Amino acid sequence: MQWVELYKPFFRLISDYVNRPVMKKGLVVMGSQDHIFFGSAKRFTEIQKNMRLAVIENCGHVCSIEAPEVFNELVLRFLQDLDVPKAVAAKPMPMRWSELKALQKG
């Protein structure tokens, strides 16, 4: 997996960023199946007192596309200063071509 080498400078930047205090409230929405960034996002929200983590279960890295309604609801609740759940179950949209074709057939 040589492509992972491309992320090393990015991970260093994230490390520097995590240690800077965030003064404004923020929301980090992650898919529970994001195997690259989930751990970093969790640590970031644990360190930063103004940040909240909302996890969309059964979704991967692009949870805003896999479960758009759930993602939008979480963001809207945050923007309206309402309670944002720490975890939400979702049935993500199929990401395999065969599953997408099956949806078209009804």
Protein backbone atom coordinates (compact mmCIF):
# COMPACT_ATOMS: atom_id res chain seq x y z
CA MET A 1 0.00 0.00 0.00
CA GLN A 2 2.38 2.65 -1.24
CA TRP A 3 -0.40 5.24 -1.46
CA VAL A 4 -0.39 5.42 2.34
CA GLU A 5 3.06 7.03 2.08
CA LEU A 6 1.38 10.02 0.44
CA TYR A 7 -0.55 10.67 3.64
CA LYS A 8 2.47 10.97 5.95
CA PRO A 9 2.90 14.76 5.52
CA PHE A 10 -0.86 15.15 5.91
CA PHE A 11 -0.85 13.19 9.17
CA ARG A 12 1.95 15.43 10.48
CA LEU A 13 -0.18 18.49 9.72
CA ILE A 14 -3.12 16.92 11.52
CA SER A 15 -0.92 16.27 14.54
CA ASP A 16 0.10 19.93 14.65
CA TYR A 17 -3.50 21.05 14.19
CA VAL A 18 -4.88 18.82 16.94
CA ASN A 19 -2.73 20.53 19.54
CA ARG A 20 -3.96 24.05 18.69
CA PRO A 21 -6.97 25.12 20.75
CA VAL A 22 -10.16 25.54 18.75
CA MET A 23 -12.03 28.54 20.12
CA LYS A 24 -15.33 28.11 18.23
CA LYS A 25 -17.82 25.27 18.54
CA GLY A 26 -17.45 22.62 15.88
CA LEU A 27 -18.93 19.33 14.79
CA VAL A 28 -16.99 16.40 13.35
CA VAL A 29 -19.19 13.84 11.61
CA MET A 30 -17.53 10.50 10.89
CA GLY A 31 -18.55 7.11 9.59
CA SER A 32 -17.83 4.28 12.01
CA GLN A 33 -16.24 2.31 9.16
CA ASP A 34 -13.73 5.05 8.21
CA HIS A 35 -10.59 3.07 8.94
CA ILE A 36 -8.18 5.88 8.09
CA PHE A 37 -9.40 8.98 9.90
CA PHE A 38 -11.83 7.79 12.59
CA GLY A 39 -9.23 7.33 15.32
CA SER A 40 -7.67 10.73 14.67
CA ALA A 41 -11.06 12.43 14.64
CA LYS A 42 -12.00 10.77 17.92
CA ARG A 43 -8.77 11.88 19.60
CA PHE A 44 -9.19 15.40 18.18
CA THR A 45 -12.67 15.78 19.64
CA GLU A 46 -11.50 14.39 22.98
CA ILE A 47 -8.70 16.97 23.17
CA GLN A 48 -10.70 19.95 21.94
CA LYS A 49 -13.40 20.93 24.43
CA ASN A 50 -15.41 22.92 21.85
CA MET A 51 -15.63 20.07 19.35
CA ARG A 52 -18.33 17.42 19.19
CA LEU A 53 -18.10 14.05 17.47
CA ALA A 54 -21.14 12.47 15.83
CA VAL A 55 -20.69 8.96 14.43
CA ILE A 56 -22.84 7.55 11.66
CA GLU A 57 -22.83 3.79 12.16
CA ASN A 58 -22.32 1.48 9.16
CA CYS A 59 -20.81 4.25 7.02
CA GLY A 60 -17.29 4.75 5.78
CA HIS A 61 -15.17 7.75 4.87
CA VAL A 62 -17.77 9.59 2.79
CA CYS A 63 -20.69 9.42 5.21
CA SER A 64 -22.24 12.58 3.73
CA ILE A 65 -22.82 10.63 0.50
CA GLU A 66 -23.47 7.20 1.99
CA ALA A 67 -26.17 8.48 4.38
CA PRO A 68 -27.00 12.04 3.23
CA GLU A 69 -30.26 12.40 5.17
CA VAL A 70 -28.64 11.38 8.45
CA PHE A 71 -25.61 13.58 7.80
CA ASN A 72 -27.77 16.60 6.95
CA GLU A 73 -29.93 16.10 10.04
CA LEU A 74 -26.86 16.04 12.30
CA VAL A 75 -25.44 19.20 10.73
CA LEU A 76 -28.77 21.03 10.88
CA ARG A 77 -29.22 20.12 14.55
CA PHE A 78 -25.73 21.44 15.27
CA LEU A 79 -26.35 24.68 13.36
CA GLN A 80 -29.66 25.16 15.20
CA ASP A 81 -27.85 24.64 18.52
CA LEU A 82 -29.90 21.52 19.26
CA ASP A 83 -28.68 18.31 20.87
CA VAL A 84 -26.57 16.24 18.45
CA PRO A 85 -26.51 12.51 19.20
CA LYS A 86 -23.10 10.91 19.66
CA ALA A 87 -24.01 8.01 17.38
CA VAL A 88 -26.74 7.38 14.84
CA ALA A 89 -27.55 4.17 13.01
CA ALA A 90 -27.83 4.43 9.25
CA LYS A 91 -28.54 2.21 6.32
CA PRO A 92 -25.98 3.58 3.88
CA MET A 93 -26.63 3.85 0.17
CA PRO A 94 -25.12 0.93 -1.74
CA MET A 95 -21.73 1.72 -3.15
CA ARG A 96 -21.25 -1.32 -5.41
CA TRP A 97 -22.32 -1.04 -9.03
CA SER A 98 -24.45 -4.20 -8.79
CA GLU A 99 -26.33 -2.78 -5.79
CA LEU A 100 -26.93 0.52 -7.54
CA LYS A 101 -28.29 -1.29 -10.61
CA ALA A 102 -30.60 -3.33 -8.38
CA LEU A 103 -32.05 -0.09 -6.99
CA GLN A 104 -32.90 1.08 -10.51
CA LYS A 105 -34.88 -2.09 -11.17
CA GLY A 106 -36.99 -1.40 -8.11
